[in-house]
Amino acid sequence: MNFTQAVGEATIDVFAYVGGLARLTWGAATAVFIDPFRGRKIRIGAALHQAMIVGVGAVPIVSLISFFVGTILALQGAYQLRKLGALQLVAAAVAIVMTRELGPLMTAIMVIGRSGSAFAAEIGTMKVNEEIDALETMALEPVHFLAAPKFLAMILMMPCLTTWADFMGVLGGGFFGVTNAGFTWGSYFQATLDSLVLRDILTGLIKSVMFGLVITAVGCQEGFSTGLGSEQVGKSTTSAVVNSIFAVVVVDLIFTAIFYFTSPS
């Protein structure tokens, strides 16, 4: 195989994969937002179950990691700001970085590890056990039956988790600010509020929703495309994690560029 042929086949594979993600996302979005108005009910119970797993179950690890990340940001920011005699700007730096970037991104990565891989493993196991074929035999659309509740749960829980991660990150920064930078808790939170505008918060929340869609689409797509055999389930799970992280970073770059070039000067 020559170089141009290899590049061509890789390009075709990428477009085919993206097309599969788009088709799955459209099918799930139709099931969540359009089909209920056509008299076709969504599985609310399954969506709530997924929301508990995706959202509530992730709160402890999201809290811990976000607190530590906020403290690290404060330490790194103070290292440079102290040289400029601007240690009072630590609170603003932590708040802006957490709400605009690290809050949604770190939350997405943690959710990928917990839930994106679980989506791929669950659906992949059903594919190997021919349960997907059984659903189709019973005239149940697999995307509507399996993927739609996961999409709804992610859309609802990712902004909530991101908001909590932002708060815990600010709290971690405040721990350093109070113990080493001369802040009180009141003055630190006041400096945080003064540094943030609504656009900063909305930027992170919009990203979190998009990250949730990407994580669910990749996890479900990898599950539906699982081959035969238990080994293939492991491969699908690994691919779901790797591809989800890559896709989330790409989406993050795209939306960061959009917000940058559309921001008021």
Protein backbone atom coordinates (compact mmCIF):
# COMPACT_ATOMS: atom_id res chain seq x y z
CA MET A 1 0.00 0.00 0.00
CA ASN A 2 1.50 3.31 -1.03
CA PHE A 3 1.35 6.50 0.98
CA THR A 4 -1.48 8.19 -0.91
CA GLN A 5 -3.65 5.09 -0.71
CA ALA A 6 -3.09 4.83 3.04
CA VAL A 7 -3.96 8.50 3.53
CA GLY A 8 -7.06 8.13 1.39
CA GLU A 9 -8.33 5.10 3.28
CA ALA A 10 -7.64 6.79 6.63
CA THR A 11 -9.54 9.88 5.47
CA ILE A 12 -12.50 7.79 4.35
CA ASP A 13 -12.52 5.98 7.70
CA VAL A 14 -12.51 9.29 9.59
CA PHE A 15 -15.41 10.69 7.57
CA ALA A 16 -17.33 7.44 7.93
CA TYR A 17 -16.79 7.51 11.70
CA VAL A 18 -17.87 11.15 11.99
CA GLY A 19 -20.88 10.38 9.81
CA GLY A 20 -21.84 7.52 12.13
CA LEU A 21 -21.56 9.83 15.13
CA ALA A 22 -23.72 12.45 13.43
CA ARG A 23 -26.34 9.89 12.46
CA LEU A 24 -26.48 8.46 15.98
CA THR A 25 -26.63 11.92 17.55
CA TRP A 26 -29.44 12.97 15.22
CA GLY A 27 -31.39 9.80 15.99
CA ALA A 28 -31.01 10.28 19.74
CA ALA A 29 -31.83 14.01 19.53
CA THR A 30 -34.96 13.20 17.52
CA ALA A 31 -36.01 10.64 20.12
CA VAL A 32 -35.46 13.11 22.98
CA PHE A 33 -36.80 16.37 21.55
CA ILE A 34 -39.17 15.50 18.69
CA ASP A 35 -40.68 12.05 19.20
CA PRO A 36 -42.46 12.96 22.49
CA PHE A 37 -44.56 15.45 20.48
CA ARG A 38 -45.44 12.64 18.08
CA GLY A 39 -46.83 10.50 20.89
CA ARG A 40 -43.74 8.32 21.26
CA LYS A 41 -42.60 8.31 24.86
CA ILE A 42 -39.00 8.40 25.94
CA ARG A 43 -37.81 6.06 28.70
CA ILE A 44 -37.80 8.60 31.54
CA GLY A 45 -37.06 5.95 34.14
CA ALA A 46 -33.99 4.80 32.24
CA ALA A 47 -32.89 8.41 31.76
CA LEU A 48 -33.19 9.09 35.50
CA HIS A 49 -31.23 5.93 36.25
CA GLN A 50 -28.47 7.05 33.89
CA ALA A 51 -28.54 10.54 35.43
CA MET A 52 -27.95 9.07 38.87
CA ILE A 53 -25.00 7.04 37.57
CA VAL A 54 -23.50 9.80 35.41
CA GLY A 55 -24.19 12.74 37.71
CA VAL A 56 -24.65 11.80 41.35
CA GLY A 57 -22.18 8.94 41.18
CA ALA A 58 -19.48 11.24 39.80
CA VAL A 59 -19.81 13.94 42.46
CA PRO A 60 -17.16 12.56 44.88
CA ILE A 61 -14.38 12.17 42.30
CA VAL A 62 -15.28 15.44 40.55
CA SER A 63 -15.22 17.26 43.88
CA LEU A 64 -11.85 15.86 44.91
CA ILE A 65 -10.08 16.39 41.59
CA SER A 66 -11.53 19.87 41.06
CA PHE A 67 -10.51 20.98 44.56
CA PHE A 68 -6.95 19.83 43.96
CA VAL A 69 -6.85 21.42 40.50
CA GLY A 70 -8.05 24.72 41.95
CA THR A 71 -5.33 24.60 44.61
CA ILE A 72 -2.69 23.80 41.98
CA LEU A 73 -3.87 26.70 39.82
CA ALA A 74 -3.61 29.04 42.78
CA LEU A 75 -0.10 27.82 43.60
CA GLN A 76 1.11 28.17 40.01
CA GLY A 77 -0.56 31.54 39.57
CA ALA A 78 0.83 32.86 42.84
CA TYR A 79 4.33 31.78 41.83
CA GLN A 80 4.27 34.23 38.91
CA LEU A 81 1.98 36.92 40.32
CA ARG A 82 4.12 37.25 43.45
CA LYS A 83 7.02 38.39 41.25
CA LEU A 84 4.83 41.19 39.92
CA GLY A 85 3.46 42.15 43.31
CA ALA A 86 -0.05 41.18 42.18
CA LEU A 87 -0.84 38.30 44.49
CA GLN A 88 -4.36 39.68 44.94
CA LEU A 89 -5.16 38.54 41.37
CA VAL A 90 -4.92 34.86 42.30
CA ALA A 91 -8.66 34.64 42.93
CA ALA A 92 -9.49 36.12 39.52
CA ALA A 93 -7.06 33.82 37.72
CA VAL A 94 -8.44 30.67 39.34
CA ALA A 95 -12.05 31.68 38.77
CA ILE A 96 -11.65 32.51 35.09
CA VAL A 97 -9.55 29.47 34.22
CA MET A 98 -11.88 27.09 36.07
CA THR A 99 -15.16 28.43 34.68
CA ARG A 100 -14.05 28.92 31.09
CA GLU A 101 -11.75 25.95 30.56
CA LEU A 102 -10.61 23.54 33.24
CA GLY A 103 -13.97 23.05 34.95
CA PRO A 104 -15.79 21.66 31.90
CA LEU A 105 -12.70 19.95 30.45
CA MET A 106 -11.68 18.10 33.62
CA THR A 107 -15.29 17.12 34.27
CA ALA A 108 -15.56 15.73 30.74
CA ILE A 109 -12.40 13.66 31.12
CA MET A 110 -13.61 12.21 34.42
CA VAL A 111 -17.03 11.41 32.94
CA ILE A 112 -15.34 9.73 29.99
CA GLY A 113 -13.48 7.43 32.35
CA ARG A 114 -16.58 6.63 34.40
CA SER A 115 -19.49 6.73 31.95
CA GLY A 116 -18.25 6.89 28.37
CA SER A 117 -16.41 3.62 28.79
CA ALA A 118 -19.43 2.12 30.58
CA PHE A 119 -21.71 3.05 27.68
CA ALA A 120 -19.43 1.26 25.22
CA ALA A 121 -19.08 -1.80 27.47
CA GLU A 122 -22.82 -2.06 28.13
CA ILE A 123 -23.93 -1.77 24.52
CA GLY A 124 -20.98 -3.81 23.29
CA THR A 125 -21.90 -6.67 25.62
CA MET A 126 -25.48 -6.50 24.38
CA LYS A 127 -24.18 -6.62 20.81
CA VAL A 128 -22.04 -9.70 21.53
CA ASN A 129 -24.96 -11.42 23.28
CA GLU A 130 -27.22 -10.60 20.30
CA GLU A 131 -29.53 -8.52 22.49
CA ILE A 132 -29.38 -5.69 19.94
CA ASP A 133 -30.73 -8.08 17.31
CA ALA A 134 -33.47 -9.11 19.73
CA LEU A 135 -34.50 -5.48 20.17
CA GLU A 136 -34.74 -5.02 16.42
CA THR A 137 -36.76 -8.23 16.16
CA MET A 138 -39.24 -6.76 18.67
CA ALA A 139 -39.45 -3.59 16.52
CA LEU A 140 -37.56 -1.53 19.10
CA GLU A 141 -35.13 0.97 17.61
CA PRO A 142 -31.80 0.44 19.48
CA VAL A 143 -30.82 4.11 19.29
CA HIS A 144 -34.18 5.21 20.71
CA PHE A 145 -34.26 2.46 23.32
CA LEU A 146 -30.62 2.51 24.49
CA ALA A 147 -28.90 5.72 23.41
CA ALA A 148 -31.64 8.34 23.86
CA PRO A 149 -31.89 7.99 27.69
CA LYS A 150 -28.11 8.33 27.92
CA PHE A 151 -28.15 11.49 25.79
CA LEU A 152 -30.89 13.03 27.94
CA ALA A 153 -29.04 12.17 31.15
CA MET A 154 -25.78 13.66 29.84
CA ILE A 155 -27.45 16.87 28.62
CA LEU A 156 -28.96 17.39 32.07
CA MET A 157 -26.07 16.31 34.27
CA MET A 158 -22.96 17.66 32.53
CA PRO A 159 -23.80 21.34 33.23
CA CYS A 160 -24.62 20.43 36.83
CA LEU A 161 -21.35 18.58 37.30
CA THR A 162 -19.43 21.40 35.62
CA THR A 163 -21.01 24.01 37.89
CA TRP A 164 -20.08 21.92 40.93
CA ALA A 165 -16.55 21.43 39.58
CA ASP A 166 -16.20 25.21 39.13
CA PHE A 167 -17.28 25.78 42.73
CA MET A 168 -14.90 23.15 44.10
CA GLY A 169 -12.05 24.58 42.02
CA VAL A 170 -12.71 28.04 43.42
CA LEU A 171 -12.87 26.50 46.89
CA GLY A 172 -9.49 24.85 46.32
CA GLY A 173 -8.02 28.17 45.21
CA GLY A 174 -9.57 29.81 48.24
CA PHE A 175 -7.85 27.31 50.51
CA PHE A 176 -4.49 28.55 49.24
CA GLY A 177 -5.61 32.18 49.21
CA VAL A 178 -6.73 32.12 52.84
CA THR A 179 -3.73 30.21 54.15
CA ASN A 180 -0.95 31.84 52.11
CA ALA A 181 -2.10 34.95 50.24
CA GLY A 182 -3.67 37.09 52.95
CA PHE A 183 -7.29 36.59 51.91
CA THR A 184 -10.25 35.92 54.13
CA TRP A 185 -12.95 33.61 52.81
CA GLY A 186 -15.25 36.56 52.37
CA SER A 187 -12.71 38.68 50.49
CA TYR A 188 -11.67 35.71 48.33
CA PHE A 189 -15.21 34.92 47.19
CA GLN A 190 -15.90 38.61 46.66
CA ALA A 191 -12.80 38.88 44.44
CA THR A 192 -14.00 35.80 42.56
CA LEU A 193 -17.43 37.30 41.94
CA ASP A 194 -15.94 40.63 40.87
CA SER A 195 -13.70 38.91 38.29
CA LEU A 196 -16.41 36.84 36.62
CA VAL A 197 -18.96 37.92 34.06
CA LEU A 198 -21.95 35.96 32.81
CA ARG A 199 -20.13 35.12 29.56
CA ASP A 200 -17.41 33.26 31.46
CA ILE A 201 -19.92 30.98 33.13
CA LEU A 202 -22.03 30.44 29.99
CA THR A 203 -18.94 29.58 27.98
CA GLY A 204 -18.14 26.68 30.28
CA LEU A 205 -21.74 25.47 30.46
CA ILE A 206 -22.15 25.47 26.67
CA LYS A 207 -18.93 23.51 26.36
CA SER A 208 -20.14 21.03 28.97
CA VAL A 209 -23.32 20.29 27.01
CA MET A 210 -21.32 19.74 23.81
CA PHE A 211 -18.86 17.52 25.68
CA GLY A 212 -21.75 15.46 27.01
CA LEU A 213 -23.12 14.94 23.50
CA VAL A 214 -19.70 13.91 22.20
CA ILE A 215 -19.01 11.50 25.07
CA THR A 216 -22.37 9.78 24.68
CA ALA A 217 -22.18 9.61 20.89
CA VAL A 218 -18.68 8.09 20.88
CA GLY A 219 -19.46 5.64 23.69
CA CYS A 220 -22.67 4.42 22.07
CA GLN A 221 -21.13 4.32 18.59
CA GLU A 222 -18.25 2.18 19.81
CA GLY A 223 -20.72 -0.11 21.56
CA PHE A 224 -22.94 -0.54 18.49
CA SER A 225 -19.91 -1.25 16.28
CA THR A 226 -18.48 -3.94 18.60
CA GLY A 227 -17.47 -7.13 16.83
CA LEU A 228 -18.12 -10.67 17.99
CA GLY A 229 -16.31 -12.00 21.04
CA SER A 230 -15.61 -10.75 24.54
CA GLU A 231 -12.23 -9.38 23.44
CA GLN A 232 -14.00 -6.94 21.14
CA VAL A 233 -15.88 -5.45 24.10
CA GLY A 234 -12.56 -4.51 25.69
CA LYS A 235 -11.35 -2.99 22.43
CA SER A 236 -14.55 -0.98 22.07
CA THR A 237 -14.22 0.30 25.63
CA THR A 238 -10.63 1.37 25.07
CA SER A 239 -11.51 3.03 21.76
CA ALA A 240 -14.40 4.86 23.42
CA VAL A 241 -12.09 6.41 26.02
CA VAL A 242 -9.33 7.36 23.57
CA ASN A 243 -11.65 8.68 20.86
CA SER A 244 -13.80 10.56 23.36
CA ILE A 245 -10.82 12.39 24.84
CA PHE A 246 -9.58 13.32 21.36
CA ALA A 247 -13.05 14.45 20.25
CA VAL A 248 -13.60 16.49 23.42
CA VAL A 249 -10.28 18.31 22.95
CA VAL A 250 -11.15 19.08 19.32
CA VAL A 251 -14.61 20.36 20.28
CA ASP A 252 -13.02 22.40 23.06
CA LEU A 253 -10.62 23.99 20.58
CA ILE A 254 -13.42 24.80 18.14
CA PHE A 255 -15.68 26.40 20.73
CA THR A 256 -12.83 28.26 22.41
CA ALA A 257 -11.92 29.76 19.02
CA ILE A 258 -15.57 30.68 18.37
CA PHE A 259 -15.94 32.38 21.76
CA TYR A 260 -12.62 34.17 21.30
CA PHE A 261 -13.39 35.62 17.88
CA THR A 262 -16.98 36.54 18.81
CA SER A 263 -16.12 38.12 22.16
CA PRO A 264 -16.63 41.87 22.45
CA SER A 265 -13.40 43.82 22.16
